Full PDB file with SEQRES, HELIX, SHEET, SSBOND, CRYST1, ORIGX, SCALE, CONECT and MASTER records, all heavy atoms in Angstrom:
SEQRES   1 A   28  GLY GLY GLY LEU VAL GLN ALA GLY THR SER LEU ARG LEU          
SEQRES   2 A   28  SER CYS LYS GLY SER GLY ARG THR PHE SER ASP ARG THR          
SEQRES   3 A   28  MET GLY                                                      
CRYST1    1.000    1.000    1.000  90.00  90.00  90.00 P 1           1          
ORIGX1      1.000000  0.000000  0.000000        0.00000                         
ORIGX2      0.000000  1.000000  0.000000        0.00000                         
ORIGX3      0.000000  0.000000  1.000000        0.00000                         
SCALE1      1.000000  0.000000  0.000000        0.00000                         
SCALE2      0.000000  1.000000  0.000000        0.00000                         
SCALE3      0.000000  0.000000  1.000000        0.00000                         
ATOM      1  N   GLY A   1     153.353 246.419 -20.160  1.00  0.00           N  
ATOM      2  CA  GLY A   1     154.766 246.479 -20.428  1.00  0.00           C  
ATOM      3  C   GLY A   1     155.393 245.279 -21.135  1.00  0.00           C  
ATOM      4  O   GLY A   1     156.540 245.296 -21.457  1.00  0.00           O  
ATOM      5  N   GLY A   2     154.588 244.222 -21.312  1.00  0.00           N  
ATOM      6  CA  GLY A   2     155.135 243.078 -21.960  1.00  0.00           C  
ATOM      7  C   GLY A   2     155.401 243.323 -23.399  1.00  0.00           C  
ATOM      8  O   GLY A   2     155.006 244.373 -23.973  1.00  0.00           O  
ATOM      9  N   GLY A   3     156.089 242.382 -24.086  1.00  0.00           N  
ATOM     10  CA  GLY A   3     156.338 242.559 -25.515  1.00  0.00           C  
ATOM     11  C   GLY A   3     157.382 241.554 -25.933  1.00  0.00           C  
ATOM     12  O   GLY A   3     157.759 240.642 -25.248  1.00  0.00           O  
ATOM     13  N   LEU A   4     157.827 241.787 -27.220  1.00  0.00           N  
ATOM     14  CA  LEU A   4     158.859 240.966 -27.809  1.00  0.00           C  
ATOM     15  C   LEU A   4     160.161 241.704 -27.812  1.00  0.00           C  
ATOM     16  O   LEU A   4     160.243 242.827 -28.374  1.00  0.00           O  
ATOM     17  CB  LEU A   4     158.407 240.620 -29.273  1.00  0.00           C  
ATOM     18  CG  LEU A   4     159.459 239.915 -30.178  1.00  0.00           C  
ATOM     19  CD1 LEU A   4     159.842 238.557 -29.558  1.00  0.00           C  
ATOM     20  CD2 LEU A   4     158.966 239.809 -31.583  1.00  0.00           C  
ATOM     21  N   VAL A   5     161.195 241.075 -27.219  1.00  0.00           N  
ATOM     22  CA  VAL A   5     162.516 241.700 -27.152  1.00  0.00           C  
ATOM     23  C   VAL A   5     163.593 240.680 -27.463  1.00  0.00           C  
ATOM     24  O   VAL A   5     163.328 239.493 -27.456  1.00  0.00           O  
ATOM     25  CB  VAL A   5     162.759 242.300 -25.725  1.00  0.00           C  
ATOM     26  CG1 VAL A   5     161.773 243.433 -25.378  1.00  0.00           C  
ATOM     27  CG2 VAL A   5     162.695 241.227 -24.639  1.00  0.00           C  
ATOM     28  N   GLN A   6     164.798 241.177 -27.726  1.00  0.00           N  
ATOM     29  CA  GLN A   6     165.874 240.307 -28.034  1.00  0.00           C  
ATOM     30  C   GLN A   6     166.590 239.913 -26.703  1.00  0.00           C  
ATOM     31  O   GLN A   6     166.600 240.679 -25.755  1.00  0.00           O  
ATOM     32  CB  GLN A   6     166.884 240.979 -28.974  1.00  0.00           C  
ATOM     33  CG  GLN A   6     166.329 241.135 -30.379  1.00  0.00           C  
ATOM     34  CD  GLN A   6     167.415 241.664 -31.304  1.00  0.00           C  
ATOM     35  OE1 GLN A   6     168.312 242.441 -30.923  1.00  0.00           O  
ATOM     36  NE2 GLN A   6     167.379 241.196 -32.582  1.00  0.00           N  
ATOM     37  N   ALA A   7     167.265 238.785 -26.724  1.00  0.00           N  
ATOM     38  CA  ALA A   7     168.026 238.380 -25.577  1.00  0.00           C  
ATOM     39  C   ALA A   7     169.099 239.398 -25.272  1.00  0.00           C  
ATOM     40  O   ALA A   7     169.664 239.995 -26.142  1.00  0.00           O  
ATOM     41  CB  ALA A   7     168.654 236.999 -25.881  1.00  0.00           C  
ATOM     42  N   GLY A   8     169.327 239.579 -23.965  1.00  0.00           N  
ATOM     43  CA  GLY A   8     170.291 240.547 -23.483  1.00  0.00           C  
ATOM     44  C   GLY A   8     169.784 241.952 -23.239  1.00  0.00           C  
ATOM     45  O   GLY A   8     170.462 242.768 -22.646  1.00  0.00           O  
ATOM     46  N   THR A   9     168.550 242.181 -23.651  1.00  0.00           N  
ATOM     47  CA  THR A   9     167.957 243.522 -23.480  1.00  0.00           C  
ATOM     48  C   THR A   9     167.165 243.555 -22.185  1.00  0.00           C  
ATOM     49  O   THR A   9     167.070 242.599 -21.434  1.00  0.00           O  
ATOM     50  CB  THR A   9     167.109 243.930 -24.703  1.00  0.00           C  
ATOM     51  OG1 THR A   9     166.065 242.981 -24.797  1.00  0.00           O  
ATOM     52  CG2 THR A   9     167.918 243.925 -25.940  1.00  0.00           C  
ATOM     53  N   SER A  10     166.501 244.715 -21.987  1.00  0.00           N  
ATOM     54  CA  SER A  10     165.746 244.925 -20.734  1.00  0.00           C  
ATOM     55  C   SER A  10     164.310 245.236 -21.030  1.00  0.00           C  
ATOM     56  O   SER A  10     163.936 245.710 -22.145  1.00  0.00           O  
ATOM     57  CB  SER A  10     166.380 246.050 -19.934  1.00  0.00           C  
ATOM     58  OG  SER A  10     167.704 245.786 -19.556  1.00  0.00           O  
ATOM     59  N   LEU A  11     163.439 245.055 -20.019  1.00  0.00           N  
ATOM     60  CA  LEU A  11     162.042 245.341 -20.167  1.00  0.00           C  
ATOM     61  C   LEU A  11     161.514 245.638 -18.732  1.00  0.00           C  
ATOM     62  O   LEU A  11     161.980 245.015 -17.795  1.00  0.00           O  
ATOM     63  CB  LEU A  11     161.286 244.152 -20.739  1.00  0.00           C  
ATOM     64  CG  LEU A  11     159.927 244.333 -21.383  1.00  0.00           C  
ATOM     65  CD1 LEU A  11     160.012 245.302 -22.599  1.00  0.00           C  
ATOM     66  CD2 LEU A  11     159.381 242.963 -21.794  1.00  0.00           C  
ATOM     67  N   ARG A  12     160.600 246.546 -18.614  1.00  0.00           N  
ATOM     68  CA  ARG A  12     159.994 246.813 -17.349  1.00  0.00           C  
ATOM     69  C   ARG A  12     158.476 246.601 -17.423  1.00  0.00           C  
ATOM     70  O   ARG A  12     157.744 247.167 -18.228  1.00  0.00           O  
ATOM     71  CB  ARG A  12     160.200 248.275 -16.880  1.00  0.00           C  
ATOM     72  CG  ARG A  12     159.780 248.531 -15.469  1.00  0.00           C  
ATOM     73  CD  ARG A  12     160.108 249.916 -14.922  1.00  0.00           C  
ATOM     74  NE  ARG A  12     159.088 250.883 -15.270  1.00  0.00           N  
ATOM     75  CZ  ARG A  12     158.845 251.945 -14.514  1.00  0.00           C  
ATOM     76  NH1 ARG A  12     159.546 252.183 -13.403  1.00  0.00           N  
ATOM     77  NH2 ARG A  12     157.908 252.836 -14.880  1.00  0.00           N  
ATOM     78  N   LEU A  13     158.041 245.744 -16.474  1.00  0.00           N  
ATOM     79  CA  LEU A  13     156.615 245.460 -16.374  1.00  0.00           C  
ATOM     80  C   LEU A  13     156.042 246.348 -15.292  1.00  0.00           C  
ATOM     81  O   LEU A  13     156.710 246.618 -14.239  1.00  0.00           O  
ATOM     82  CB  LEU A  13     156.407 244.003 -16.027  1.00  0.00           C  
ATOM     83  CG  LEU A  13     156.924 242.952 -16.991  1.00  0.00           C  
ATOM     84  CD1 LEU A  13     156.581 241.559 -16.499  1.00  0.00           C  
ATOM     85  CD2 LEU A  13     156.516 243.243 -18.387  1.00  0.00           C  
ATOM     86  N   SER A  14     154.784 246.769 -15.449  1.00  0.00           N  
ATOM     87  CA  SER A  14     154.118 247.595 -14.461  1.00  0.00           C  
ATOM     88  C   SER A  14     152.837 246.859 -14.063  1.00  0.00           C  
ATOM     89  O   SER A  14     152.212 246.141 -14.899  1.00  0.00           O  
ATOM     90  CB  SER A  14     153.791 248.932 -15.038  1.00  0.00           C  
ATOM     91  OG  SER A  14     154.910 249.663 -15.363  1.00  0.00           O  
ATOM     92  N   CYS A  15     152.370 247.128 -12.889  1.00  0.00           N  
ATOM     93  CA  CYS A  15     151.116 246.547 -12.393  1.00  0.00           C  
ATOM     94  C   CYS A  15     150.425 247.637 -11.596  1.00  0.00           C  
ATOM     95  O   CYS A  15     150.915 248.149 -10.628  1.00  0.00           O  
ATOM     96  CB  CYS A  15     151.455 245.340 -11.492  1.00  0.00           C  
ATOM     97  SG  CYS A  15     149.967 244.655 -10.641  1.00  0.00           S  
ATOM     98  N   LYS A  16     149.188 247.933 -12.059  1.00  0.00           N  
ATOM     99  CA  LYS A  16     148.391 248.960 -11.428  1.00  0.00           C  
ATOM    100  C   LYS A  16     147.228 248.364 -10.667  1.00  0.00           C  
ATOM    101  O   LYS A  16     146.508 247.589 -11.226  1.00  0.00           O  
ATOM    102  CB  LYS A  16     147.817 249.904 -12.504  1.00  0.00           C  
ATOM    103  CG  LYS A  16     146.865 250.945 -12.068  1.00  0.00           C  
ATOM    104  CD  LYS A  16     147.533 251.992 -11.139  1.00  0.00           C  
ATOM    105  CE  LYS A  16     146.529 253.111 -10.739  1.00  0.00           C  
ATOM    106  NZ  LYS A  16     147.175 254.095  -9.812  1.00  0.00           N  
ATOM    107  N   GLY A  17     147.097 248.660  -9.420  1.00  0.00           N  
ATOM    108  CA  GLY A  17     145.999 248.245  -8.586  1.00  0.00           C  
ATOM    109  C   GLY A  17     144.890 249.233  -8.586  1.00  0.00           C  
ATOM    110  O   GLY A  17     145.131 250.455  -8.692  1.00  0.00           O  
ATOM    111  N   SER A  18     143.669 248.719  -8.542  1.00  0.00           N  
ATOM    112  CA  SER A  18     142.491 249.623  -8.415  1.00  0.00           C  
ATOM    113  C   SER A  18     141.462 248.943  -7.603  1.00  0.00           C  
ATOM    114  O   SER A  18     141.458 247.731  -7.430  1.00  0.00           O  
ATOM    115  CB  SER A  18     141.952 249.926  -9.823  1.00  0.00           C  
ATOM    116  OG  SER A  18     141.546 248.793 -10.481  1.00  0.00           O  
ATOM    117  N   GLY A  19     140.543 249.697  -7.101  1.00  0.00           N  
ATOM    118  CA  GLY A  19     139.448 249.181  -6.274  1.00  0.00           C  
ATOM    119  C   GLY A  19     139.759 249.055  -4.792  1.00  0.00           C  
ATOM    120  O   GLY A  19     138.835 248.916  -3.978  1.00  0.00           O  
ATOM    121  N   ARG A  20     140.987 249.040  -4.427  1.00  0.00           N  
ATOM    122  CA  ARG A  20     141.465 249.006  -3.036  1.00  0.00           C  
ATOM    123  C   ARG A  20     142.951 249.318  -3.040  1.00  0.00           C  
ATOM    124  O   ARG A  20     143.619 249.184  -4.084  1.00  0.00           O  
ATOM    125  CB  ARG A  20     141.206 247.681  -2.380  1.00  0.00           C  
ATOM    126  CG  ARG A  20     142.213 246.621  -2.811  1.00  0.00           C  
ATOM    127  CD  ARG A  20     142.056 245.282  -2.088  1.00  0.00           C  
ATOM    128  NE  ARG A  20     142.110 245.279  -0.650  1.00  0.00           N  
ATOM    129  CZ  ARG A  20     143.198 245.315   0.135  1.00  0.00           C  
ATOM    130  NH1 ARG A  20     144.366 245.441  -0.419  1.00  0.00           N  
ATOM    131  NH2 ARG A  20     143.076 245.314   1.416  1.00  0.00           N  
ATOM    132  N   THR A  21     143.490 249.710  -1.937  1.00  0.00           N  
ATOM    133  CA  THR A  21     144.899 249.930  -1.791  1.00  0.00           C  
ATOM    134  C   THR A  21     145.570 248.582  -1.583  1.00  0.00           C  
ATOM    135  O   THR A  21     145.037 247.717  -0.894  1.00  0.00           O  
ATOM    136  CB  THR A  21     145.272 250.856  -0.672  1.00  0.00           C  
ATOM    137  OG1 THR A  21     146.670 251.036  -0.596  1.00  0.00           O  
ATOM    138  CG2 THR A  21     144.696 250.343   0.651  1.00  0.00           C  
ATOM    139  N   PHE A  22     146.760 248.417  -2.095  1.00  0.00           N  
ATOM    140  CA  PHE A  22     147.562 247.247  -1.891  1.00  0.00           C  
ATOM    141  C   PHE A  22     148.790 247.551  -1.121  1.00  0.00           C  
ATOM    142  O   PHE A  22     149.700 246.758  -0.986  1.00  0.00           O  
ATOM    143  CB  PHE A  22     147.961 246.577  -3.212  1.00  0.00           C  
ATOM    144  CG  PHE A  22     146.806 246.008  -3.959  1.00  0.00           C  
ATOM    145  CD1 PHE A  22     146.154 246.665  -4.961  1.00  0.00           C  
ATOM    146  CD2 PHE A  22     146.327 244.755  -3.562  1.00  0.00           C  
ATOM    147  CE1 PHE A  22     145.072 246.144  -5.601  1.00  0.00           C  
ATOM    148  CE2 PHE A  22     145.259 244.151  -4.248  1.00  0.00           C  
ATOM    149  CZ  PHE A  22     144.575 244.839  -5.261  1.00  0.00           C  
ATOM    150  N   SER A  23     148.843 248.785  -0.493  1.00  0.00           N  
ATOM    151  CA  SER A  23     149.989 249.198   0.254  1.00  0.00           C  
ATOM    152  C   SER A  23     150.236 248.354   1.539  1.00  0.00           C  
ATOM    153  O   SER A  23     151.354 248.396   2.077  1.00  0.00           O  
ATOM    154  CB  SER A  23     149.874 250.658   0.625  1.00  0.00           C  
ATOM    155  OG  SER A  23     148.724 250.865   1.453  1.00  0.00           O  
ATOM    156  N   ASP A  24     149.341 247.566   1.914  1.00  0.00           N  
ATOM    157  CA  ASP A  24     149.435 246.792   3.119  1.00  0.00           C  
ATOM    158  C   ASP A  24     149.768 245.291   2.782  1.00  0.00           C  
ATOM    159  O   ASP A  24     149.845 244.462   3.679  1.00  0.00           O  
ATOM    160  CB  ASP A  24     148.176 246.766   3.969  1.00  0.00           C  
ATOM    161  CG  ASP A  24     146.945 246.288   3.221  1.00  0.00           C  
ATOM    162  OD1 ASP A  24     146.973 246.234   1.967  1.00  0.00           O  
ATOM    163  OD2 ASP A  24     145.955 245.960   3.870  1.00  0.00           O  
ATOM    164  N   ARG A  25     149.963 245.004   1.506  1.00  0.00           N  
ATOM    165  CA  ARG A  25     150.153 243.639   1.085  1.00  0.00           C  
ATOM    166  C   ARG A  25     151.545 243.409   0.519  1.00  0.00           C  
ATOM    167  O   ARG A  25     152.113 244.297  -0.182  1.00  0.00           O  
ATOM    168  CB  ARG A  25     149.143 243.242  -0.004  1.00  0.00           C  
ATOM    169  CG  ARG A  25     147.701 243.411   0.380  1.00  0.00           C  
ATOM    170  CD  ARG A  25     147.328 242.378   1.423  1.00  0.00           C  
ATOM    171  NE  ARG A  25     145.880 242.404   1.690  1.00  0.00           N  
ATOM    172  CZ  ARG A  25     144.971 241.605   1.123  1.00  0.00           C  
ATOM    173  NH1 ARG A  25     145.425 240.670   0.280  1.00  0.00           N  
ATOM    174  NH2 ARG A  25     143.724 241.695   1.444  1.00  0.00           N  
ATOM    175  N   THR A  26     152.069 242.196   0.724  1.00  0.00           N  
ATOM    176  CA  THR A  26     153.200 241.697  -0.036  1.00  0.00           C  
ATOM    177  C   THR A  26     152.706 241.525  -1.462  1.00  0.00           C  
ATOM    178  O   THR A  26     151.654 240.959  -1.726  1.00  0.00           O  
ATOM    179  CB  THR A  26     153.774 240.413   0.533  1.00  0.00           C  
ATOM    180  OG1 THR A  26     154.392 240.672   1.787  1.00  0.00           O  
ATOM    181  CG2 THR A  26     154.762 239.771  -0.445  1.00  0.00           C  
ATOM    182  N   MET A  27     153.490 241.998  -2.412  1.00  0.00           N  
ATOM    183  CA  MET A  27     153.144 241.892  -3.843  1.00  0.00           C  
ATOM    184  C   MET A  27     154.172 240.996  -4.519  1.00  0.00           C  
ATOM    185  O   MET A  27     155.380 240.967  -4.143  1.00  0.00           O  
ATOM    186  CB  MET A  27     153.132 243.263  -4.488  1.00  0.00           C  
ATOM    187  CG  MET A  27     152.161 244.231  -3.900  1.00  0.00           C  
ATOM    188  SD  MET A  27     150.442 243.706  -4.122  1.00  0.00           S  
ATOM    189  CE  MET A  27     150.252 243.790  -5.887  1.00  0.00           C  
ATOM    190  N   GLY A  28     153.655 240.220  -5.479  1.00  0.00           N  
ATOM    191  CA  GLY A  28     154.594 239.289  -6.177  1.00  0.00           C  
ATOM    192  C   GLY A  28     154.373 239.319  -7.646  1.00  0.00           C  
ATOM    193  O   GLY A  28     153.329 239.724  -8.114  1.00  0.00           O  
TER     194      GLY A  28                                                      
MASTER        0    0    0    0    0    0    0    6  193    1    0    3          
END                                                                             
């Protein structure tokens, strides 16, 4: 989801976990 954007706009980053569940962890 990263990229080049202008100031004042919005962007959404996504993070996909694989190999184990992360539902039991604090994520940062």
